[in-house]
Structure formats: C-alpha cells, structure tokens
Amino acid sequence: MASSEVNIEIAKIIPIFLVSVPFVAIIRVATASFYATEKSMYSYILTFIEPVFMLVLMLILPPLFGGQIMIWWSTVNARILSALLALLLKQRVDKEDLYKGGELA
C-alpha cells in the first residue's frame, strides 16, 4: 500500500502523463506504417528521436521552469515533438509516393 504522500504525487502526475497518450498513438502508428512500407530509416528515426528529445528536455526544462514536475512535462513535450516529426515524415513519404506514382510527373 502506498503512503498518502505517494498517492498525492501520483494524483498530480497522472493527468500530465495522460496528455501524451494521443501523441504516443501517432508515433506508434507512423512507426509501424514506415516499417510496413519498407521506409525503415524513418521508423528508426522515430524510434530513437523520442529518447533524445526526452534527454535534452530533461536537461533543460527542470532547471529553468520548476524542478521535478518538469521531468514529467519533458516526457510529454518529447512525445509531442516526436509526433509532429512523425506527421512531417508521413507527409513527406506521401508526397514522394505521389510523385513516384506518376500522378504529378
């Protein structure tokens, strides 16, 4: 059984964590899509960029904006950035495929 202090901290953190869930879905679907369409390099980029974003943000945000709670916000922001990158890469692949398909060539 967790102490009341731990429960209070978890109650603060869970809503922050839940903000990132839709972005995780975008990242996972895009990564799987790139693997399935043999665009493995994009999958590798998405797989490894999230921890890099997380590390950078964890080094920057807590000292600047408020300590330990910013560790959790660093995770959320890393996932948001990764999801944006996933969408940009997907848009790029779709554009490349459109040109290769001869529709705009």
C-alpha atoms as a PDB file:
ATOM      1  CA  MET A   1       0.000   0.000   0.000  1.00  0.00           C
ATOM      2  CA  ALA A   2       1.388   3.392  -0.983  1.00  0.00           C
ATOM      3  CA  SER A   3       1.663   6.201   1.507  1.00  0.00           C
ATOM      4  CA  SER A   4      -0.628   9.208   1.283  1.00  0.00           C
ATOM      5  CA  GLU A   5       2.308  11.349   0.111  1.00  0.00           C
ATOM      6  CA  VAL A   6       2.967   8.979  -2.786  1.00  0.00           C
ATOM      7  CA  ASN A   7      -0.730   8.947  -3.676  1.00  0.00           C
ATOM      8  CA  ILE A   8      -0.790  12.758  -3.744  1.00  0.00           C
ATOM      9  CA  GLU A   9       2.237  12.861  -6.058  1.00  0.00           C
ATOM     10  CA  ILE A  10       0.746  10.248  -8.375  1.00  0.00           C
ATOM     11  CA  ALA A  11      -2.512  12.190  -8.487  1.00  0.00           C
ATOM     12  CA  LYS A  12      -0.523  15.214  -9.720  1.00  0.00           C
ATOM     13  CA  ILE A  13       1.421  13.253 -12.330  1.00  0.00           C
ATOM     14  CA  ILE A  14      -1.245  11.034 -13.932  1.00  0.00           C
ATOM     15  CA  PRO A  15      -3.073  13.912 -15.697  1.00  0.00           C
ATOM     16  CA  ILE A  16       0.248  15.140 -17.103  1.00  0.00           C
ATOM     17  CA  PHE A  17       1.081  11.648 -18.324  1.00  0.00           C
ATOM     18  CA  LEU A  18      -2.348  11.255 -19.936  1.00  0.00           C
ATOM     19  CA  VAL A  19      -1.774  14.339 -22.095  1.00  0.00           C
ATOM     20  CA  SER A  20       0.865  12.384 -24.015  1.00  0.00           C
ATOM     21  CA  VAL A  21      -1.251   9.309 -24.805  1.00  0.00           C
ATOM     22  CA  PRO A  22      -2.702  10.558 -28.143  1.00  0.00           C
ATOM     23  CA  PHE A  23       0.774  11.551 -29.278  1.00  0.00           C
ATOM     24  CA  VAL A  24       2.165   8.114 -28.439  1.00  0.00           C
ATOM     25  CA  ALA A  25      -0.552   6.623 -30.641  1.00  0.00           C
ATOM     26  CA  ILE A  26       0.504   8.825 -33.569  1.00  0.00           C
ATOM     27  CA  ILE A  27       4.148   7.839 -33.124  1.00  0.00           C
ATOM     28  CA  ARG A  28       3.393   4.109 -32.891  1.00  0.00           C
ATOM     29  CA  VAL A  29       1.094   4.053 -35.923  1.00  0.00           C
ATOM     30  CA  ALA A  30       3.553   6.076 -38.017  1.00  0.00           C
ATOM     31  CA  THR A  31       6.465   3.858 -36.976  1.00  0.00           C
ATOM     32  CA  ALA A  32       4.547   0.704 -37.868  1.00  0.00           C
ATOM     33  CA  SER A  33       3.455   2.260 -41.160  1.00  0.00           C
ATOM     34  CA  PHE A  34       7.038   3.066 -42.113  1.00  0.00           C
ATOM     35  CA  TYR A  35       8.162  -0.469 -41.286  1.00  0.00           C
ATOM     36  CA  ALA A  36       5.300  -1.930 -43.308  1.00  0.00           C
ATOM     37  CA  THR A  37       6.110   0.192 -46.356  1.00  0.00           C
ATOM     38  CA  GLU A  38       9.847  -0.524 -46.162  1.00  0.00           C
ATOM     39  CA  LYS A  39      10.713   3.023 -45.052  1.00  0.00           C
ATOM     40  CA  SER A  40      12.770   1.597 -42.196  1.00  0.00           C
ATOM     41  CA  MET A  41      15.020   4.627 -41.863  1.00  0.00           C
ATOM     42  CA  TYR A  42      12.032   6.775 -40.869  1.00  0.00           C
ATOM     43  CA  SER A  43      10.997   4.116 -38.346  1.00  0.00           C
ATOM     44  CA  TYR A  44      14.472   4.154 -36.841  1.00  0.00           C
ATOM     45  CA  ILE A  45      14.418   7.935 -36.655  1.00  0.00           C
ATOM     46  CA  LEU A  46      11.102   7.918 -34.797  1.00  0.00           C
ATOM     47  CA  THR A  47      12.212   5.113 -32.509  1.00  0.00           C
ATOM     48  CA  PHE A  48      15.392   6.839 -31.402  1.00  0.00           C
ATOM     49  CA  ILE A  49      14.445  10.519 -31.546  1.00  0.00           C
ATOM     50  CA  GLU A  50      11.937  10.384 -28.679  1.00  0.00           C
ATOM     51  CA  PRO A  51      14.560   9.418 -26.034  1.00  0.00           C
ATOM     52  CA  VAL A  52      16.913  12.047 -27.472  1.00  0.00           C
ATOM     53  CA  PHE A  53      14.205  14.719 -27.200  1.00  0.00           C
ATOM     54  CA  MET A  54      13.439  13.467 -23.696  1.00  0.00           C
ATOM     55  CA  LEU A  55      17.056  13.704 -22.587  1.00  0.00           C
ATOM     56  CA  VAL A  56      17.526  17.198 -23.978  1.00  0.00           C
ATOM     57  CA  LEU A  57      14.280  18.458 -22.473  1.00  0.00           C
ATOM     58  CA  MET A  58      15.010  16.831 -19.113  1.00  0.00           C
ATOM     59  CA  LEU A  59      18.330  18.643 -19.014  1.00  0.00           C
ATOM     60  CA  ILE A  60      16.803  21.994 -19.978  1.00  0.00           C
ATOM     61  CA  LEU A  61      13.276  22.289 -18.551  1.00  0.00           C
ATOM     62  CA  PRO A  62      13.612  21.347 -14.854  1.00  0.00           C
ATOM     63  CA  PRO A  63      16.335  23.851 -14.007  1.00  0.00           C
ATOM     64  CA  LEU A  64      14.598  26.629 -15.950  1.00  0.00           C
ATOM     65  CA  PHE A  65      10.930  26.082 -15.144  1.00  0.00           C
ATOM     66  CA  GLY A  66      10.311  24.391 -11.876  1.00  0.00           C
ATOM     67  CA  GLY A  67      12.048  21.276 -10.776  1.00  0.00           C
ATOM     68  CA  GLN A  68      10.798  17.725 -10.635  1.00  0.00           C
ATOM     69  CA  ILE A  69       7.346  18.226 -12.178  1.00  0.00           C
ATOM     70  CA  MET A  70       9.095  19.406 -15.338  1.00  0.00           C
ATOM     71  CA  ILE A  71      10.615  15.934 -15.713  1.00  0.00           C
ATOM     72  CA  TRP A  72       7.108  14.708 -16.482  1.00  0.00           C
ATOM     73  CA  TRP A  73       6.386  17.644 -18.770  1.00  0.00           C
ATOM     74  CA  SER A  74       9.672  16.913 -20.564  1.00  0.00           C
ATOM     75  CA  THR A  75       8.341  13.465 -21.383  1.00  0.00           C
ATOM     76  CA  VAL A  76       5.073  14.896 -22.682  1.00  0.00           C
ATOM     77  CA  ASN A  77       6.856  17.522 -24.768  1.00  0.00           C
ATOM     78  CA  ALA A  78       9.251  14.932 -26.198  1.00  0.00           C
ATOM     79  CA  ARG A  79       6.285  12.843 -27.300  1.00  0.00           C
ATOM     80  CA  ILE A  80       4.560  15.860 -28.830  1.00  0.00           C
ATOM     81  CA  LEU A  81       7.716  16.756 -30.772  1.00  0.00           C
ATOM     82  CA  SER A  82       8.121  13.144 -31.884  1.00  0.00           C
ATOM     83  CA  ALA A  83       4.503  13.003 -33.049  1.00  0.00           C
ATOM     84  CA  LEU A  84       4.964  16.223 -35.024  1.00  0.00           C
ATOM     85  CA  LEU A  85       8.067  14.739 -36.617  1.00  0.00           C
ATOM     86  CA  ALA A  86       6.110  11.561 -37.415  1.00  0.00           C
ATOM     87  CA  LEU A  87       3.423  13.607 -39.149  1.00  0.00           C
ATOM     88  CA  LEU A  88       6.008  15.572 -41.116  1.00  0.00           C
ATOM     89  CA  LEU A  89       7.778  12.392 -42.213  1.00  0.00           C
ATOM     90  CA  LYS A  90       4.469  10.800 -43.178  1.00  0.00           C
ATOM     91  CA  GLN A  91       3.577  13.852 -45.231  1.00  0.00           C
ATOM     92  CA  ARG A  92       6.976  13.677 -46.930  1.00  0.00           C
ATOM     93  CA  VAL A  93       6.574   9.970 -47.739  1.00  0.00           C
ATOM     94  CA  ASP A  94       3.062  10.524 -49.081  1.00  0.00           C
ATOM     95  CA  LYS A  95       4.352  13.328 -51.304  1.00  0.00           C
ATOM     96  CA  GLU A  96       7.243  11.171 -52.558  1.00  0.00           C
ATOM     97  CA  ASP A  97       4.861   8.307 -53.285  1.00  0.00           C
ATOM     98  CA  LEU A  98       2.535  10.636 -55.136  1.00  0.00           C
ATOM     99  CA  TYR A  99       5.359  11.795 -57.411  1.00  0.00           C
ATOM    100  CA  LYS A 100       6.626   8.255 -57.932  1.00  0.00           C
ATOM    101  CA  GLY A 101       3.133   7.082 -58.827  1.00  0.00           C
ATOM    102  CA  GLY A 102       3.229   9.256 -61.918  1.00  0.00           C
ATOM    103  CA  GLU A 103       0.224  11.323 -60.926  1.00  0.00           C
ATOM    104  CA  LEU A 104       2.246  14.529 -60.842  1.00  0.00           C
ATOM    105  CA  ALA A 105       5.169  13.514 -63.018  1.00  0.00           C
END
